[in-house]
Amino acid sequence: MKSRVLLLGISLLGAGALFIYFGLHHIFIFKKPATLSDTAAIAPTSETLESRFDYQGEVTVEVRPIKIEPNAPWQFEASFDTHSMELDDDLTEQSVLADDQSNYFPPINWTGDEPGGHHRSGILIFDPIDPMPKQIELKIKDVGDISERLFVWDLK
């Protein structure tokens, strides 16, 4: 009888441990906001620049600089989420980077999800700005019926 109770106790502890592991794994891994942080092969800069969010309209947009260095392409991780429309925008045509001197720089590439669907993420790539500005603004136009979304970071 004692061995059955002991076996039942061990089984319950094991089942509880598995439930906690997979339950927490599901919550913290599969339910987090859509980003490329876990899959991007590009290391972040030594200077930590935080994500910026735009919740206007029916599309949520998150943008985070992942590489801002002199003499190397600048990279911004971008995620788009909606449940009401197709995300079929051409982000290389609808995005522009501005420095603190009102100079504008178009992206040179988008690496990421193809147009379509309700969740989209990737990396917008720009030529580096020289000299290094004190502030940058990333403007994304006409996503989700919002004429312009503005994301700003101080660099110095």
C-alpha atoms as a PDB file:
ATOM      1  CA  MET A   1       0.000   0.000   0.000  1.00  0.00           C
ATOM      2  CA  LYS A   2       2.802   2.400   0.917  1.00  0.00           C
ATOM      3  CA  SER A   3       4.577   1.673  -2.365  1.00  0.00           C
ATOM      4  CA  ARG A   4       1.401   2.504  -4.327  1.00  0.00           C
ATOM      5  CA  VAL A   5       1.017   5.810  -2.460  1.00  0.00           C
ATOM      6  CA  LEU A   6       4.704   6.591  -3.025  1.00  0.00           C
ATOM      7  CA  LEU A   7       4.406   5.696  -6.734  1.00  0.00           C
ATOM      8  CA  LEU A   8       1.262   7.831  -7.044  1.00  0.00           C
ATOM      9  CA  GLY A   9       3.010  10.759  -5.315  1.00  0.00           C
ATOM     10  CA  ILE A  10       6.040  10.513  -7.611  1.00  0.00           C
ATOM     11  CA  SER A  11       3.773  10.290 -10.673  1.00  0.00           C
ATOM     12  CA  LEU A  12       1.826  13.367  -9.586  1.00  0.00           C
ATOM     13  CA  LEU A  13       5.045  15.310  -8.944  1.00  0.00           C
ATOM     14  CA  GLY A  14       6.361  14.335 -12.390  1.00  0.00           C
ATOM     15  CA  ALA A  15       3.093  15.263 -14.080  1.00  0.00           C
ATOM     16  CA  GLY A  16       3.053  18.569 -12.191  1.00  0.00           C
ATOM     17  CA  ALA A  17       6.628  19.342 -13.227  1.00  0.00           C
ATOM     18  CA  LEU A  18       5.812  18.595 -16.883  1.00  0.00           C
ATOM     19  CA  PHE A  19       2.666  20.721 -16.684  1.00  0.00           C
ATOM     20  CA  ILE A  20       4.601  23.655 -15.222  1.00  0.00           C
ATOM     21  CA  TYR A  21       7.424  23.336 -17.757  1.00  0.00           C
ATOM     22  CA  PHE A  22       5.223  23.063 -20.842  1.00  0.00           C
ATOM     23  CA  GLY A  23       2.641  25.523 -19.504  1.00  0.00           C
ATOM     24  CA  LEU A  24       5.262  28.202 -18.822  1.00  0.00           C
ATOM     25  CA  HIS A  25       7.051  27.350 -22.054  1.00  0.00           C
ATOM     26  CA  HIS A  26       3.790  27.886 -23.941  1.00  0.00           C
ATOM     27  CA  ILE A  27       3.046  31.186 -22.195  1.00  0.00           C
ATOM     28  CA  PHE A  28       6.522  32.693 -22.442  1.00  0.00           C
ATOM     29  CA  ILE A  29       7.687  31.269 -25.759  1.00  0.00           C
ATOM     30  CA  PHE A  30       4.660  30.854 -28.003  1.00  0.00           C
ATOM     31  CA  LYS A  31       2.484  33.723 -26.718  1.00  0.00           C
ATOM     32  CA  LYS A  32       5.034  36.544 -26.840  1.00  0.00           C
ATOM     33  CA  PRO A  33       4.618  39.362 -29.415  1.00  0.00           C
ATOM     34  CA  ALA A  34       5.792  38.538 -32.908  1.00  0.00           C
ATOM     35  CA  THR A  35       9.412  39.631 -33.338  1.00  0.00           C
ATOM     36  CA  LEU A  36      12.530  38.295 -34.971  1.00  0.00           C
ATOM     37  CA  SER A  37      14.622  38.515 -31.780  1.00  0.00           C
ATOM     38  CA  ASP A  38      14.883  34.754 -31.439  1.00  0.00           C
ATOM     39  CA  THR A  39      15.668  34.056 -35.082  1.00  0.00           C
ATOM     40  CA  ALA A  40      17.625  37.083 -36.283  1.00  0.00           C
ATOM     41  CA  ALA A  41      21.189  36.199 -37.140  1.00  0.00           C
ATOM     42  CA  ILE A  42      22.293  39.780 -36.661  1.00  0.00           C
ATOM     43  CA  ALA A  43      23.737  40.785 -33.306  1.00  0.00           C
ATOM     44  CA  PRO A  44      22.291  43.898 -31.633  1.00  0.00           C
ATOM     45  CA  THR A  45      24.470  46.955 -31.247  1.00  0.00           C
ATOM     46  CA  SER A  46      26.366  47.523 -28.047  1.00  0.00           C
ATOM     47  CA  GLU A  47      24.156  50.561 -27.459  1.00  0.00           C
ATOM     48  CA  THR A  48      20.726  49.317 -26.468  1.00  0.00           C
ATOM     49  CA  LEU A  49      17.918  51.101 -28.261  1.00  0.00           C
ATOM     50  CA  GLU A  50      14.434  50.124 -27.160  1.00  0.00           C
ATOM     51  CA  SER A  51      11.509  49.044 -29.271  1.00  0.00           C
ATOM     52  CA  ARG A  52       8.927  51.626 -30.248  1.00  0.00           C
ATOM     53  CA  PHE A  53       5.270  50.725 -30.713  1.00  0.00           C
ATOM     54  CA  ASP A  54       2.416  52.243 -32.694  1.00  0.00           C
ATOM     55  CA  TYR A  55      -1.103  51.037 -31.866  1.00  0.00           C
ATOM     56  CA  GLN A  56      -3.071  53.262 -34.242  1.00  0.00           C
ATOM     57  CA  GLY A  57      -5.878  51.799 -36.296  1.00  0.00           C
ATOM     58  CA  GLU A  58      -6.209  48.077 -36.830  1.00  0.00           C
ATOM     59  CA  VAL A  59      -2.490  47.284 -37.193  1.00  0.00           C
ATOM     60  CA  THR A  60       0.010  47.202 -34.333  1.00  0.00           C
ATOM     61  CA  VAL A  61       3.575  48.019 -35.391  1.00  0.00           C
ATOM     62  CA  GLU A  62       6.731  47.378 -33.363  1.00  0.00           C
ATOM     63  CA  VAL A  63      10.138  48.627 -34.522  1.00  0.00           C
ATOM     64  CA  ARG A  64      13.514  48.084 -32.842  1.00  0.00           C
ATOM     65  CA  PRO A  65      16.943  49.176 -34.066  1.00  0.00           C
ATOM     66  CA  ILE A  66      19.185  46.127 -34.047  1.00  0.00           C
ATOM     67  CA  LYS A  67      22.268  47.545 -35.735  1.00  0.00           C
ATOM     68  CA  ILE A  68      23.230  51.223 -35.742  1.00  0.00           C
ATOM     69  CA  GLU A  69      26.958  51.459 -36.402  1.00  0.00           C
ATOM     70  CA  PRO A  70      29.183  53.664 -38.546  1.00  0.00           C
ATOM     71  CA  ASN A  71      30.276  52.087 -41.831  1.00  0.00           C
ATOM     72  CA  ALA A  72      27.760  49.209 -41.667  1.00  0.00           C
ATOM     73  CA  PRO A  73      24.159  48.939 -42.892  1.00  0.00           C
ATOM     74  CA  TRP A  74      21.631  50.081 -40.283  1.00  0.00           C
ATOM     75  CA  GLN A  75      18.993  47.497 -39.467  1.00  0.00           C
ATOM     76  CA  PHE A  76      15.557  47.839 -37.901  1.00  0.00           C
ATOM     77  CA  GLU A  77      13.497  44.849 -36.848  1.00  0.00           C
ATOM     78  CA  ALA A  78       9.816  45.486 -37.678  1.00  0.00           C
ATOM     79  CA  SER A  79       6.719  43.479 -36.730  1.00  0.00           C
ATOM     80  CA  PHE A  80       3.158  44.060 -37.926  1.00  0.00           C
ATOM     81  CA  ASP A  81       0.091  42.423 -36.377  1.00  0.00           C
ATOM     82  CA  THR A  82      -3.587  42.650 -37.261  1.00  0.00           C
ATOM     83  CA  HIS A  83      -6.672  40.463 -37.344  1.00  0.00           C
ATOM     84  CA  SER A  84      -8.712  42.456 -39.829  1.00  0.00           C
ATOM     85  CA  MET A  85      -6.743  43.007 -43.049  1.00  0.00           C
ATOM     86  CA  GLU A  86      -4.005  41.627 -45.252  1.00  0.00           C
ATOM     87  CA  LEU A  87      -0.531  43.052 -44.637  1.00  0.00           C
ATOM     88  CA  ASP A  88       0.508  43.394 -48.262  1.00  0.00           C
ATOM     89  CA  ASP A  89       2.506  46.637 -48.067  1.00  0.00           C
ATOM     90  CA  ASP A  90       5.827  47.227 -49.857  1.00  0.00           C
ATOM     91  CA  LEU A  91       7.867  48.423 -46.903  1.00  0.00           C
ATOM     92  CA  THR A  92      10.808  49.522 -49.064  1.00  0.00           C
ATOM     93  CA  GLU A  93       8.456  51.972 -50.809  1.00  0.00           C
ATOM     94  CA  GLN A  94       6.592  53.101 -47.672  1.00  0.00           C
ATOM     95  CA  SER A  95       9.494  53.614 -45.248  1.00  0.00           C
ATOM     96  CA  VAL A  96      12.088  56.338 -44.875  1.00  0.00           C
ATOM     97  CA  LEU A  97      14.737  57.143 -42.267  1.00  0.00           C
ATOM     98  CA  ALA A  98      15.367  60.786 -41.321  1.00  0.00           C
ATOM     99  CA  ASP A  99      18.260  62.306 -39.394  1.00  0.00           C
ATOM    100  CA  ASP A 100      18.251  65.363 -37.130  1.00  0.00           C
ATOM    101  CA  GLN A 101      19.173  67.597 -40.100  1.00  0.00           C
ATOM    102  CA  SER A 102      15.986  66.667 -42.014  1.00  0.00           C
ATOM    103  CA  ASN A 103      17.859  64.478 -44.482  1.00  0.00           C
ATOM    104  CA  TYR A 104      15.879  61.469 -45.725  1.00  0.00           C
ATOM    105  CA  PHE A 105      17.209  58.022 -46.560  1.00  0.00           C
ATOM    106  CA  PRO A 106      15.157  55.282 -48.269  1.00  0.00           C
ATOM    107  CA  PRO A 107      15.696  51.660 -47.243  1.00  0.00           C
ATOM    108  CA  ILE A 108      17.968  49.562 -49.409  1.00  0.00           C
ATOM    109  CA  ASN A 109      16.260  46.259 -48.575  1.00  0.00           C
ATOM    110  CA  TRP A 110      13.562  44.383 -46.644  1.00  0.00           C
ATOM    111  CA  THR A 111      14.520  40.927 -45.403  1.00  0.00           C
ATOM    112  CA  GLY A 112      11.616  39.046 -43.924  1.00  0.00           C
ATOM    113  CA  ASP A 113       8.085  37.866 -44.504  1.00  0.00           C
ATOM    114  CA  GLU A 114       6.573  38.301 -47.941  1.00  0.00           C
ATOM    115  CA  PRO A 115       3.446  40.481 -48.334  1.00  0.00           C
ATOM    116  CA  GLY A 116       0.199  38.949 -47.102  1.00  0.00           C
ATOM    117  CA  GLY A 117      -1.304  37.505 -43.968  1.00  0.00           C
ATOM    118  CA  HIS A 118      -2.124  39.033 -40.608  1.00  0.00           C
ATOM    119  CA  HIS A 119       1.327  38.817 -38.981  1.00  0.00           C
ATOM    120  CA  ARG A 120       4.474  39.985 -40.696  1.00  0.00           C
ATOM    121  CA  SER A 121       8.018  40.641 -39.519  1.00  0.00           C
ATOM    122  CA  GLY A 122      11.423  41.303 -40.955  1.00  0.00           C
ATOM    123  CA  ILE A 123      14.327  43.711 -41.103  1.00  0.00           C
ATOM    124  CA  LEU A 124      14.439  47.074 -42.875  1.00  0.00           C
ATOM    125  CA  ILE A 125      17.995  47.854 -43.975  1.00  0.00           C
ATOM    126  CA  PHE A 126      19.394  51.338 -44.626  1.00  0.00           C
ATOM    127  CA  ASP A 127      22.773  52.717 -45.634  1.00  0.00           C
ATOM    128  CA  PRO A 128      24.578  54.153 -42.583  1.00  0.00           C
ATOM    129  CA  ILE A 129      24.208  57.869 -41.918  1.00  0.00           C
ATOM    130  CA  ASP A 130      27.472  59.802 -41.735  1.00  0.00           C
ATOM    131  CA  PRO A 131      28.117  61.730 -39.588  1.00  0.00           C
ATOM    132  CA  MET A 132      26.236  59.931 -36.828  1.00  0.00           C
ATOM    133  CA  PRO A 133      23.106  61.993 -36.045  1.00  0.00           C
ATOM    134  CA  LYS A 134      21.928  62.819 -32.545  1.00  0.00           C
ATOM    135  CA  GLN A 135      18.428  61.569 -33.367  1.00  0.00           C
ATOM    136  CA  ILE A 136      16.792  59.398 -36.014  1.00  0.00           C
ATOM    137  CA  GLU A 137      13.181  58.987 -37.093  1.00  0.00           C
ATOM    138  CA  LEU A 138      11.788  56.036 -38.977  1.00  0.00           C
ATOM    139  CA  LYS A 139       8.612  56.897 -40.868  1.00  0.00           C
ATOM    140  CA  ILE A 140       6.326  54.191 -42.224  1.00  0.00           C
ATOM    141  CA  LYS A 141       3.478  55.414 -44.414  1.00  0.00           C
ATOM    142  CA  ASP A 142       0.040  54.023 -45.211  1.00  0.00           C
ATOM    143  CA  VAL A 143       0.046  50.819 -43.155  1.00  0.00           C
ATOM    144  CA  GLY A 144      -3.428  49.902 -41.955  1.00  0.00           C
ATOM    145  CA  ASP A 145      -5.060  53.111 -43.198  1.00  0.00           C
ATOM    146  CA  ILE A 146      -2.773  55.273 -41.026  1.00  0.00           C
ATOM    147  CA  SER A 147      -1.090  57.937 -43.161  1.00  0.00           C
ATOM    148  CA  GLU A 148       2.179  57.954 -41.186  1.00  0.00           C
ATOM    149  CA  ARG A 149       3.668  56.129 -38.222  1.00  0.00           C
ATOM    150  CA  LEU A 150       6.695  57.765 -36.612  1.00  0.00           C
ATOM    151  CA  PHE A 151       9.361  56.015 -34.507  1.00  0.00           C
ATOM    152  CA  VAL A 152      12.069  58.195 -32.886  1.00  0.00           C
ATOM    153  CA  TRP A 153      15.343  57.354 -31.099  1.00  0.00           C
ATOM    154  CA  ASP A 154      18.018  59.528 -29.512  1.00  0.00           C
ATOM    155  CA  LEU A 155      21.479  58.257 -30.440  1.00  0.00           C
ATOM    156  CA  LYS A 156      23.652  60.510 -28.279  1.00  0.00           C
END
